[in-house]
Amino acid sequence: MTPVALLRAHSRHAPWNARGLAAHVTALVDAAGIRPTNASARVAPSARSVRFYVASGLLDRPEGAGTAATYNYRHLLQLLSIKIRQREGATLDGIKKEMKEVTGDALERRVAASLAPALGAGADATVRDSDDERSASWRRVPVADGIEIHVRDDAPAARDEALVAMREAVRAALGRADIR
């Protein structure tokens, strides 16, 4: 498979929340072995940095807002490009100018070319394996007739108090908080 096709295979992991997007990008960039040129480039992206990049106009706005915000394949490409270019020594201002001038397919090709060694060496399999392990155990929380919430056991939201809060929030959104 070509590097672009291998990169596109990651789209099946979408949508991500900010933390999931940051983790996915970190795994791919680290596996590529791109040597950072400065301390800020070494820093793995976090959910906070994802939100900063959105506010700065480096990343497109996500679908939804707050904790319900979700990021898609285009966001993955944008964040990968940011981290790759940072590791190559580019400033955020320079990256922002570049991002305005590049189309989606050119961005995809550029990212795929930079990550080609990692994509060909099984970095996509590493991400896939870790996703498969995490998806093995889920908690099901009944909300109402025909409605339930699914939360992966290793997620921070799997705490009992968080599950109760989510269930009650969904019930309130339904306008039927009395459903037990």
Protein backbone atom coordinates (compact mmCIF):
# COMPACT_ATOMS: atom_id res chain seq x y z
CA MET A 1 0.00 0.00 0.00
CA THR A 2 1.10 3.58 -0.59
CA PRO A 3 1.87 5.90 2.35
CA VAL A 4 -1.29 7.90 1.53
CA ALA A 5 -3.44 4.75 1.65
CA LEU A 6 -1.81 3.71 4.93
CA LEU A 7 -2.45 7.16 6.36
CA ARG A 8 -6.07 7.09 5.18
CA ALA A 9 -6.55 3.84 7.08
CA HIS A 10 -6.31 5.94 10.25
CA SER A 11 -9.54 7.70 9.33
CA ARG A 12 -11.44 4.65 10.57
CA HIS A 13 -10.40 5.62 14.11
CA ALA A 14 -12.27 8.94 13.79
CA PRO A 15 -13.97 10.74 15.33
CA TRP A 16 -11.70 11.56 18.23
CA ASN A 17 -12.06 13.79 21.24
CA ALA A 18 -9.16 16.23 21.78
CA ARG A 19 -7.24 13.81 24.00
CA GLY A 20 -7.68 10.90 21.58
CA LEU A 21 -6.57 13.01 18.63
CA ALA A 22 -3.47 14.16 20.51
CA ALA A 23 -2.58 10.59 21.50
CA HIS A 24 -3.02 9.30 17.95
CA VAL A 25 -0.80 12.04 16.54
CA THR A 26 1.84 11.47 19.22
CA ALA A 27 2.01 7.76 18.40
CA LEU A 28 2.45 8.40 14.69
CA VAL A 29 4.99 11.22 14.96
CA ASP A 30 7.07 9.40 17.57
CA ALA A 31 7.05 6.22 15.48
CA ALA A 32 8.28 8.22 12.48
CA GLY A 33 11.42 9.10 14.43
CA ILE A 34 11.47 12.71 13.27
CA ARG A 35 14.12 14.39 15.41
CA PRO A 36 12.92 17.62 17.06
CA THR A 37 15.00 20.74 16.56
CA ASN A 38 13.93 22.51 19.77
CA ALA A 39 12.24 21.90 23.13
CA SER A 40 8.76 23.02 22.07
CA ALA A 41 8.84 20.60 19.14
CA ARG A 42 9.60 17.73 21.52
CA VAL A 43 6.40 18.26 23.44
CA ALA A 44 3.69 15.77 22.55
CA PRO A 45 0.38 17.44 21.74
CA SER A 46 -2.21 17.41 24.50
CA ALA A 47 -5.93 18.12 24.58
CA ARG A 48 -5.03 21.61 25.77
CA SER A 49 -2.68 22.20 22.84
CA VAL A 50 -5.36 20.95 20.43
CA ARG A 51 -7.76 23.55 21.81
CA PHE A 52 -5.00 26.19 21.59
CA TYR A 53 -4.37 25.33 17.93
CA VAL A 54 -8.11 25.65 17.22
CA ALA A 55 -8.25 29.03 18.97
CA SER A 56 -5.13 30.15 17.05
CA GLY A 57 -6.61 29.17 13.69
CA LEU A 58 -4.08 26.39 13.05
CA LEU A 59 -6.74 23.67 13.28
CA ASP A 60 -10.27 23.82 11.90
CA ARG A 61 -13.05 24.11 14.47
CA PRO A 62 -14.28 20.71 15.66
CA GLU A 63 -17.82 19.40 15.40
CA GLY A 64 -19.62 20.26 18.62
CA ALA A 65 -18.26 22.25 21.51
CA GLY A 66 -16.70 21.72 24.90
CA THR A 67 -16.37 18.12 26.00
CA ALA A 68 -18.65 17.04 23.14
CA ALA A 69 -16.23 18.38 20.49
CA THR A 70 -15.11 15.76 17.98
CA TYR A 71 -12.25 15.83 15.52
CA ASN A 72 -12.09 14.07 12.15
CA TYR A 73 -9.48 12.91 9.65
CA ARG A 74 -8.78 16.46 8.42
CA HIS A 75 -7.98 17.50 11.99
CA LEU A 76 -5.63 14.51 12.22
CA LEU A 77 -3.81 15.68 9.08
CA GLN A 78 -3.61 19.25 10.34
CA LEU A 79 -2.26 18.28 13.76
CA LEU A 80 0.23 15.85 12.22
CA SER A 81 1.41 18.61 9.90
CA ILE A 82 1.81 21.04 12.80
CA LYS A 83 3.87 18.61 14.86
CA ILE A 84 5.99 17.50 11.89
CA ARG A 85 6.72 21.09 10.85
CA GLN A 86 7.50 22.07 14.46
CA ARG A 87 9.98 19.22 14.65
CA GLU A 88 11.53 20.49 11.43
CA GLY A 89 12.04 23.90 13.05
CA ALA A 90 9.08 25.90 11.71
CA THR A 91 7.38 28.46 13.94
CA LEU A 92 3.64 28.43 14.61
CA ASP A 93 3.25 31.65 12.61
CA GLY A 94 5.03 30.08 9.65
CA ILE A 95 2.97 26.92 9.96
CA LYS A 96 -0.24 28.96 10.05
CA LYS A 97 0.69 30.69 6.79
CA GLU A 98 1.55 27.35 5.17
CA MET A 99 -1.72 25.78 6.30
CA LYS A 100 -3.75 28.54 4.64
CA GLU A 101 -2.04 27.88 1.32
CA VAL A 102 -2.25 24.07 1.20
CA THR A 103 -5.23 22.07 -0.03
CA GLY A 104 -6.48 18.92 1.69
CA ASP A 105 -4.95 16.45 -0.75
CA ALA A 106 -1.59 18.26 -0.75
CA LEU A 107 -1.63 18.27 3.04
CA GLU A 108 -2.37 14.54 3.04
CA ARG A 109 0.47 13.81 0.60
CA ARG A 110 2.93 15.95 2.58
CA VAL A 111 2.06 14.25 5.87
CA ALA A 112 2.13 10.78 4.31
CA ALA A 113 5.57 11.46 2.81
CA SER A 114 6.91 12.60 6.19
CA LEU A 115 5.45 9.60 7.99
CA ALA A 116 6.20 7.05 5.25
CA PRO A 117 8.85 5.18 7.25
CA ALA A 118 6.54 4.84 10.25
CA LEU A 119 3.49 3.95 8.19
CA GLY A 120 5.42 1.27 6.32
CA ALA A 121 7.02 -0.04 9.51
CA GLY A 122 3.72 -0.80 11.21
CA ALA A 123 3.03 2.34 13.25
CA ASP A 124 -0.54 2.08 12.01
CA ALA A 125 -0.67 -1.47 13.40
CA THR A 126 0.66 -0.22 16.75
CA VAL A 127 -2.11 2.35 16.97
CA ARG A 128 -4.67 -0.20 15.78
CA ASP A 129 -3.51 -2.79 18.34
CA SER A 130 -3.68 -0.33 21.19
CA ASP A 131 -7.16 0.76 20.07
CA ASP A 132 -8.29 -2.89 19.85
CA GLU A 133 -7.01 -3.61 23.37
CA ARG A 134 -8.88 -0.63 24.76
CA SER A 135 -12.10 -1.56 22.99
CA ALA A 136 -12.13 -5.03 24.56
CA SER A 137 -13.94 -4.00 27.74
CA TRP A 138 -16.86 -1.58 27.83
CA ARG A 139 -19.41 -0.58 30.45
CA ARG A 140 -23.04 -0.27 29.42
CA VAL A 141 -25.15 2.24 31.30
CA PRO A 142 -28.92 2.01 30.69
CA VAL A 143 -30.48 5.46 30.43
CA ALA A 144 -34.04 4.86 29.23
CA ASP A 145 -35.92 2.40 27.05
CA GLY A 146 -33.73 1.87 23.97
CA ILE A 147 -31.00 4.26 25.15
CA GLU A 148 -27.72 3.37 26.78
CA ILE A 149 -24.27 4.87 27.18
CA HIS A 150 -21.15 2.85 26.36
CA VAL A 151 -17.92 3.77 28.14
CA ARG A 152 -14.61 1.97 27.77
CA ASP A 153 -13.48 0.59 31.15
CA ASP A 154 -10.06 2.24 31.04
CA ALA A 155 -11.48 5.70 30.23
CA PRO A 156 -11.44 8.33 33.01
CA ALA A 157 -15.20 8.64 32.49
CA ALA A 158 -15.70 5.02 33.63
CA ARG A 159 -15.73 6.08 37.28
CA ASP A 160 -19.08 5.31 38.94
CA GLU A 161 -19.79 8.95 39.81
CA ALA A 162 -19.02 10.03 36.24
CA LEU A 163 -21.32 7.35 34.81
CA VAL A 164 -24.17 8.44 37.09
CA ALA A 165 -23.61 12.07 36.10
CA MET A 166 -23.66 11.18 32.39
CA ARG A 167 -26.81 9.09 32.77
CA GLU A 168 -28.57 11.92 34.60
CA ALA A 169 -27.40 14.50 32.04
CA VAL A 170 -28.78 12.41 29.18
CA ARG A 171 -32.05 11.93 31.03
CA ALA A 172 -32.27 15.68 31.62
CA ALA A 173 -31.55 16.31 27.93
CA LEU A 174 -34.39 13.97 27.08
CA GLY A 175 -36.62 15.97 29.40
CA ARG A 176 -37.42 12.85 31.35
CA ALA A 177 -35.27 12.94 34.48
CA ASP A 178 -37.84 10.78 36.26
CA ILE A 179 -36.97 7.73 34.15
CA ARG A 180 -35.23 5.16 36.33
